[in-house]
C-alpha atoms as a PDB file:
ATOM      1  CA  MET A   1     -11.988  31.958   7.888  1.00  0.00           C
ATOM      2  CA  ALA A   2      -8.925  30.015   8.679  1.00  0.00           C
ATOM      3  CA  SER A   3      -7.546  28.274  11.411  1.00  0.00           C
ATOM      4  CA  ASN A   4      -5.065  25.829  12.363  1.00  0.00           C
ATOM      5  CA  SER A   5      -5.710  22.395  12.896  1.00  0.00           C
ATOM      6  CA  PRO A   6      -3.927  20.443  15.913  1.00  0.00           C
ATOM      7  CA  PHE A   7      -0.975  18.936  13.141  1.00  0.00           C
ATOM      8  CA  GLY A   8       0.077  23.217  12.318  1.00  0.00           C
ATOM      9  CA  VAL A   9      -2.158  22.775   8.927  1.00  0.00           C
ATOM     10  CA  ARG A  10      -4.197  25.354   7.976  1.00  0.00           C
ATOM     11  CA  VAL A  11      -7.855  24.887   6.732  1.00  0.00           C
ATOM     12  CA  LYS A  12     -11.053  25.912   6.855  1.00  0.00           C
ATOM     13  CA  PRO A  13     -13.027  25.723   9.819  1.00  0.00           C
ATOM     14  CA  GLU A  14     -15.515  23.130   7.949  1.00  0.00           C
ATOM     15  CA  TYR A  15     -12.745  21.088   6.999  1.00  0.00           C
ATOM     16  CA  GLN A  16     -10.620  20.869  10.467  1.00  0.00           C
ATOM     17  CA  ILE A  17      -8.765  17.405  10.657  1.00  0.00           C
ATOM     18  CA  LEU A  18      -9.683  15.023  13.317  1.00  0.00           C
ATOM     19  CA  GLN A  19      -7.005  14.066  15.847  1.00  0.00           C
ATOM     20  CA  GLY A  20      -7.272  10.164  16.223  1.00  0.00           C
ATOM     21  CA  GLU A  21      -8.977   9.737  12.073  1.00  0.00           C
ATOM     22  CA  GLU A  22      -6.077   9.181   9.456  1.00  0.00           C
ATOM     23  CA  MET A  23      -7.017   8.157   6.332  1.00  0.00           C
ATOM     24  CA  ILE A  24      -5.772   4.566   5.615  1.00  0.00           C
ATOM     25  CA  ILE A  25      -6.455   2.808   2.432  1.00  0.00           C
ATOM     26  CA  TRP A  26      -5.913  -1.108   2.478  1.00  0.00           C
ATOM     27  CA  THR A  27      -4.896  -2.524  -1.386  1.00  0.00           C
ATOM     28  CA  ALA A  28      -3.537  -5.989  -1.786  1.00  0.00           C
ATOM     29  CA  VAL A  29       0.461  -5.958  -1.950  1.00  0.00           C
ATOM     30  CA  ASN A  30       2.546  -7.813  -3.211  1.00  0.00           C
ATOM     31  CA  PHE A  31       5.683  -7.499  -0.413  1.00  0.00           C
ATOM     32  CA  LYS A  32       8.451  -9.108  -2.025  1.00  0.00           C
ATOM     33  CA  GLU A  33       7.572  -6.823  -5.180  1.00  0.00           C
ATOM     34  CA  LEU A  34       7.866  -3.296  -3.028  1.00  0.00           C
ATOM     35  CA  LEU A  35      11.265  -4.739  -1.659  1.00  0.00           C
ATOM     36  CA  GLN A  36      12.519  -5.208  -5.159  1.00  0.00           C
ATOM     37  CA  ARG A  37      11.566  -2.726  -6.559  1.00  0.00           C
ATOM     38  CA  GLY A  38      11.454   0.599  -3.389  1.00  0.00           C
ATOM     39  CA  LYS A  39       9.653   3.686  -4.784  1.00  0.00           C
ATOM     40  CA  GLU A  40       8.966   2.304  -7.698  1.00  0.00           C
ATOM     41  CA  TYR A  41       6.522  -0.016  -6.967  1.00  0.00           C
ATOM     42  CA  PHE A  42       3.093   0.335  -8.795  1.00  0.00           C
ATOM     43  CA  TRP A  43       1.082   1.881  -5.607  1.00  0.00           C
ATOM     44  CA  PRO A  44      -3.207   2.384  -7.090  1.00  0.00           C
ATOM     45  CA  ARG A  45      -3.984   5.856  -6.993  1.00  0.00           C
ATOM     46  CA  PRO A  46      -6.677   6.361  -5.768  1.00  0.00           C
ATOM     47  CA  ALA A  47      -9.740   9.005  -7.580  1.00  0.00           C
ATOM     48  CA  CYS A  48     -10.443  11.697  -4.864  1.00  0.00           C
ATOM     49  CA  CYS A  49     -10.213  12.429  -1.459  1.00  0.00           C
ATOM     50  CA  PRO A  50     -12.341   9.729   0.437  1.00  0.00           C
ATOM     51  CA  PHE A  51     -13.447  12.514   2.614  1.00  0.00           C
ATOM     52  CA  CYS A  52     -14.072  15.707   1.017  1.00  0.00           C
ATOM     53  CA  GLY A  53     -13.727  14.516  -2.689  1.00  0.00           C
ATOM     54  CA  SER A  54     -11.522  16.306  -4.700  1.00  0.00           C
ATOM     55  CA  ARG A  55      -8.459  15.958  -6.360  1.00  0.00           C
ATOM     56  CA  ILE A  56      -5.354  14.563  -4.831  1.00  0.00           C
ATOM     57  CA  TRP A  57      -1.463  14.763  -5.651  1.00  0.00           C
ATOM     58  CA  GLY A  58       1.233  12.242  -4.887  1.00  0.00           C
ATOM     59  CA  HIS A  59       3.066  13.603  -0.611  1.00  0.00           C
ATOM     60  CA  GLY A  60       5.792  11.392  -1.296  1.00  0.00           C
ATOM     61  CA  PHE A  61       6.662   8.582   0.071  1.00  0.00           C
ATOM     62  CA  VAL A  62       6.979   7.096   4.215  1.00  0.00           C
ATOM     63  CA  TRP A  63       9.121   4.356   5.557  1.00  0.00           C
ATOM     64  CA  ARG A  64       7.317   2.050   7.842  1.00  0.00           C
ATOM     65  CA  TYR A  65       8.270  -1.847   8.403  1.00  0.00           C
ATOM     66  CA  PHE A  66       5.770  -4.624   8.483  1.00  0.00           C
ATOM     67  CA  ALA A  67       6.446  -8.454   9.290  1.00  0.00           C
ATOM     68  CA  GLU A  68       6.508  -9.441   6.022  1.00  0.00           C
ATOM     69  CA  ALA A  69       9.467  -6.849   5.670  1.00  0.00           C
ATOM     70  CA  PRO A  70      11.585  -6.928   8.391  1.00  0.00           C
ATOM     71  CA  GLY A  71      12.931  -4.211   7.318  1.00  0.00           C
ATOM     72  CA  GLY A  72      11.029  -1.871   6.020  1.00  0.00           C
ATOM     73  CA  CYS A  73       9.377  -0.332   2.927  1.00  0.00           C
ATOM     74  CA  TRP A  74       8.469   2.922   1.167  1.00  0.00           C
ATOM     75  CA  ILE A  75       5.199   3.279   1.944  1.00  0.00           C
ATOM     76  CA  LYS A  76       3.242   6.110  -0.572  1.00  0.00           C
ATOM     77  CA  ARG A  77       1.303   8.922   0.529  1.00  0.00           C
ATOM     78  CA  TYR A  78      -1.368  11.181  -1.003  1.00  0.00           C
ATOM     79  CA  GLN A  79      -2.936  14.885  -0.110  1.00  0.00           C
ATOM     80  CA  CYS A  80      -6.209  16.056  -0.697  1.00  0.00           C
ATOM     81  CA  CYS A  81      -5.466  19.682  -2.764  1.00  0.00           C
ATOM     82  CA  LYS A  82      -9.122  20.732  -0.515  1.00  0.00           C
ATOM     83  CA  CYS A  83      -9.225  19.490   2.248  1.00  0.00           C
ATOM     84  CA  LYS A  84      -4.657  19.071   3.230  1.00  0.00           C
ATOM     85  CA  ARG A  85      -5.630  15.565   4.626  1.00  0.00           C
ATOM     86  CA  MET A  86      -2.825  13.391   4.179  1.00  0.00           C
ATOM     87  CA  ILE A  87      -4.304   9.838   2.612  1.00  0.00           C
ATOM     88  CA  THR A  88      -1.730   6.505   3.882  1.00  0.00           C
ATOM     89  CA  LEU A  89      -2.023   3.249   1.262  1.00  0.00           C
ATOM     90  CA  ARG A  90      -1.203   0.662   3.802  1.00  0.00           C
ATOM     91  CA  PRO A  91      -1.432  -3.419   2.864  1.00  0.00           C
ATOM     92  CA  VAL A  92      -3.797  -4.915   4.138  1.00  0.00           C
ATOM     93  CA  GLY A  93      -4.474  -6.203   7.446  1.00  0.00           C
ATOM     94  CA  TYR A  94      -2.410  -4.493   8.505  1.00  0.00           C
ATOM     95  CA  TRP A  95      -3.901  -2.526  11.312  1.00  0.00           C
ATOM     96  CA  PRO A  96      -1.947   0.642  12.429  1.00  0.00           C
ATOM     97  CA  ARG A  97       0.939   1.342  14.368  1.00  0.00           C
ATOM     98  CA  PHE A  98       1.261  -2.300  13.960  1.00  0.00           C
ATOM     99  CA  PHE A  99       4.094  -4.284  12.841  1.00  0.00           C
ATOM    100  CA  HIS A 100       2.184  -7.352  12.706  1.00  0.00           C
ATOM    101  CA  GLY A 101      -0.979  -8.591  10.471  1.00  0.00           C
ATOM    102  CA  SER A 102      -4.254  -8.545  12.392  1.00  0.00           C
ATOM    103  CA  GLU A 103      -4.712 -11.850  11.185  1.00  0.00           C
ATOM    104  CA  SER A 104      -1.309 -13.004  12.372  1.00  0.00           C
ATOM    105  CA  ILE A 105      -2.542 -11.438  15.950  1.00  0.00           C
ATOM    106  CA  ARG A 106      -5.504 -13.100  15.840  1.00  0.00           C
ATOM    107  CA  SER A 107      -4.208 -16.808  15.372  1.00  0.00           C
ATOM    108  CA  SER A 108      -2.181 -16.580  18.208  1.00  0.00           C
ATOM    109  CA  LEU A 109      -4.418 -15.336  20.562  1.00  0.00           C
ATOM    110  CA  GLU A 110      -6.631 -18.408  19.065  1.00  0.00           C
ATOM    111  CA  HIS A 111      -4.479 -20.569  19.238  1.00  0.00           C
ATOM    112  CA  HIS A 112      -2.958 -19.591  22.853  1.00  0.00           C
ATOM    113  CA  ASP A 113      -7.458 -19.877  23.835  1.00  0.00           C
ATOM    114  CA  THR A 114      -7.588 -23.889  23.003  1.00  0.00           C
ATOM    115  CA  GLN A 115      -4.125 -24.535  23.419  1.00  0.00           C
ATOM    116  CA  ARG A 116      -3.126 -22.585  27.061  1.00  0.00           C
ATOM    117  CA  VAL A 117       0.986 -22.269  25.501  1.00  0.00           C
ATOM    118  CA  TRP A 118       1.849 -19.358  22.789  1.00  0.00           C
ATOM    119  CA  PRO A 119       1.949 -20.690  19.179  1.00  0.00           C
ATOM    120  CA  ALA A 120       5.284 -22.326  17.833  1.00  0.00           C
ATOM    121  CA  GLY A 121       8.409 -19.309  16.302  1.00  0.00           C
ATOM    122  CA  GLU A 122       5.568 -16.775  18.230  1.00  0.00           C
ATOM    123  CA  LYS A 123       8.484 -14.592  20.980  1.00  0.00           C
ATOM    124  CA  ARG A 124       6.416 -15.178  23.925  1.00  0.00           C
ATOM    125  CA  GLN A 125       6.649 -11.708  25.155  1.00  0.00           C
ATOM    126  CA  THR A 126       4.125 -10.391  22.156  1.00  0.00           C
ATOM    127  CA  SER A 127       1.682 -12.446  22.310  1.00  0.00           C
ATOM    128  CA  GLY A 128       1.542 -11.840  25.919  1.00  0.00           C
ATOM    129  CA  HIS A 129       1.849  -8.309  24.996  1.00  0.00           C
ATOM    130  CA  TRP A 130      -1.419  -8.974  22.501  1.00  0.00           C
ATOM    131  CA  LEU A 131      -3.266 -10.660  25.337  1.00  0.00           C
ATOM    132  CA  ARG A 132      -2.515  -7.826  28.128  1.00  0.00           C
ATOM    133  CA  ALA A 133      -3.519  -5.505  25.685  1.00  0.00           C
ATOM    134  CA  LEU A 134      -6.549  -6.996  25.054  1.00  0.00           C
ATOM    135  CA  GLY A 135      -7.533  -7.236  28.466  1.00  0.00           C
ATOM    136  CA  GLN A 136      -6.994  -4.024  29.356  1.00  0.00           C
ATOM    137  CA  GLN A 137      -8.750  -2.362  25.883  1.00  0.00           C
ATOM    138  CA  VAL A 138     -12.135  -4.918  27.132  1.00  0.00           C
ATOM    139  CA  ARG A 139     -11.977  -3.802  30.510  1.00  0.00           C
ATOM    140  CA  LYS A 140     -11.658  -0.381  29.440  1.00  0.00           C
ATOM    141  CA  ILE A 141     -14.541   0.393  26.551  1.00  0.00           C
ATOM    142  CA  ILE A 142     -16.961  -2.579  27.550  1.00  0.00           C
ATOM    143  CA  GLY A 143     -17.060  -3.496  30.510  1.00  0.00           C
ATOM    144  CA  LEU A 144     -16.360  -6.556  32.183  1.00  0.00           C
ATOM    145  CA  ALA A 145     -19.386  -8.386  30.615  1.00  0.00           C
ATOM    146  CA  MET A 146     -17.447 -11.103  28.158  1.00  0.00           C
ATOM    147  CA  LYS A 147     -15.376 -12.819  27.715  1.00  0.00           C
ATOM    148  CA  ILE A 148     -11.679 -11.731  26.479  1.00  0.00           C
ATOM    149  CA  PHE A 149     -11.296 -13.096  23.439  1.00  0.00           C
ATOM    150  CA  PRO A 150     -12.706 -13.716  21.150  1.00  0.00           C
ATOM    151  CA  GLU A 151     -15.855 -12.247  22.319  1.00  0.00           C
ATOM    152  CA  GLY A 152     -13.908  -9.317  23.185  1.00  0.00           C
ATOM    153  CA  PHE A 153     -11.898  -8.937  20.402  1.00  0.00           C
ATOM    154  CA  GLU A 154     -14.553  -9.681  18.106  1.00  0.00           C
ATOM    155  CA  GLU A 155     -16.733  -6.533  19.790  1.00  0.00           C
ATOM    156  CA  LEU A 156     -13.976  -4.491  20.211  1.00  0.00           C
ATOM    157  CA  ILE A 157     -12.983  -4.823  15.836  1.00  0.00           C
ATOM    158  CA  LYS A 158     -17.157  -3.806  15.688  1.00  0.00           C
ATOM    159  CA  ARG A 159     -16.705  -0.632  17.511  1.00  0.00           C
ATOM    160  CA  ARG A 160     -14.052   0.408  15.383  1.00  0.00           C
ATOM    161  CA  ARG A 161     -11.087  -0.426  18.027  1.00  0.00           C
ATOM    162  CA  VAL A 162      -8.029  -2.026  17.802  1.00  0.00           C
ATOM    163  CA  PRO A 163      -8.497  -4.270  20.499  1.00  0.00           C
ATOM    164  CA  VAL A 164      -5.092  -5.465  20.961  1.00  0.00           C
ATOM    165  CA  SER A 165      -2.753  -1.894  20.799  1.00  0.00           C
ATOM    166  CA  ARG A 166      -2.031  -0.303  24.562  1.00  0.00           C
ATOM    167  CA  SER A 167      -2.851   3.543  24.145  1.00  0.00           C
ATOM    168  CA  LYS A 168      -5.095   4.669  26.604  1.00  0.00           C
ATOM    169  CA  ARG A 169      -7.329   6.941  24.042  1.00  0.00           C
ATOM    170  CA  GLY A 170      -7.378   3.512  21.954  1.00  0.00           C
ATOM    171  CA  VAL A 171      -6.873   3.717  18.631  1.00  0.00           C
ATOM    172  CA  LEU A 172      -9.497   3.397  16.090  1.00  0.00           C
ATOM    173  CA  ILE A 173      -8.997   1.669  13.377  1.00  0.00           C
ATOM    174  CA  PRO A 174     -10.046   3.782  10.012  1.00  0.00           C
ATOM    175  CA  GLN A 175     -13.954   3.391   7.995  1.00  0.00           C
ATOM    176  CA  ILE A 176     -12.272   3.863   3.983  1.00  0.00           C
ATOM    177  CA  CYS A 177     -10.252  -0.052   4.305  1.00  0.00           C
END
């Protein structure tokens, strides 16, 4: 007996798609080559679905924006034949739903923590947004028992949460890293 998933795809109950759990496989990306070649860029093909082990097929591309490709670029997607999950290949170091890389965010917060000013060239509004979001996530998920940065930042990563997310429910860092 099949039932409806949160995404409108009919799947068997044992393969219900978990809302908020994304299937992302991080891969090294040469942004210069990706921007030049577009959809012709070579993306590594996963051997099988990381969730159920079944075979997968290509499911086109999706347009995404990253700090190293501010005008956007095509990112490869696959779909599992059995459980119908979407698997997206994503550049290493970029959390889901974020334009800037995780190391860029961390270094900006670290610079502000030590120097009490934002790094040169970094927009104060963007960096302030990350700091306020980090404070909200630490208070909501961990409590006020620790310093926001770096202790709270690291604890949220250990709990598989994007530390600078403004989402009320928080954004999970997918396990498939």
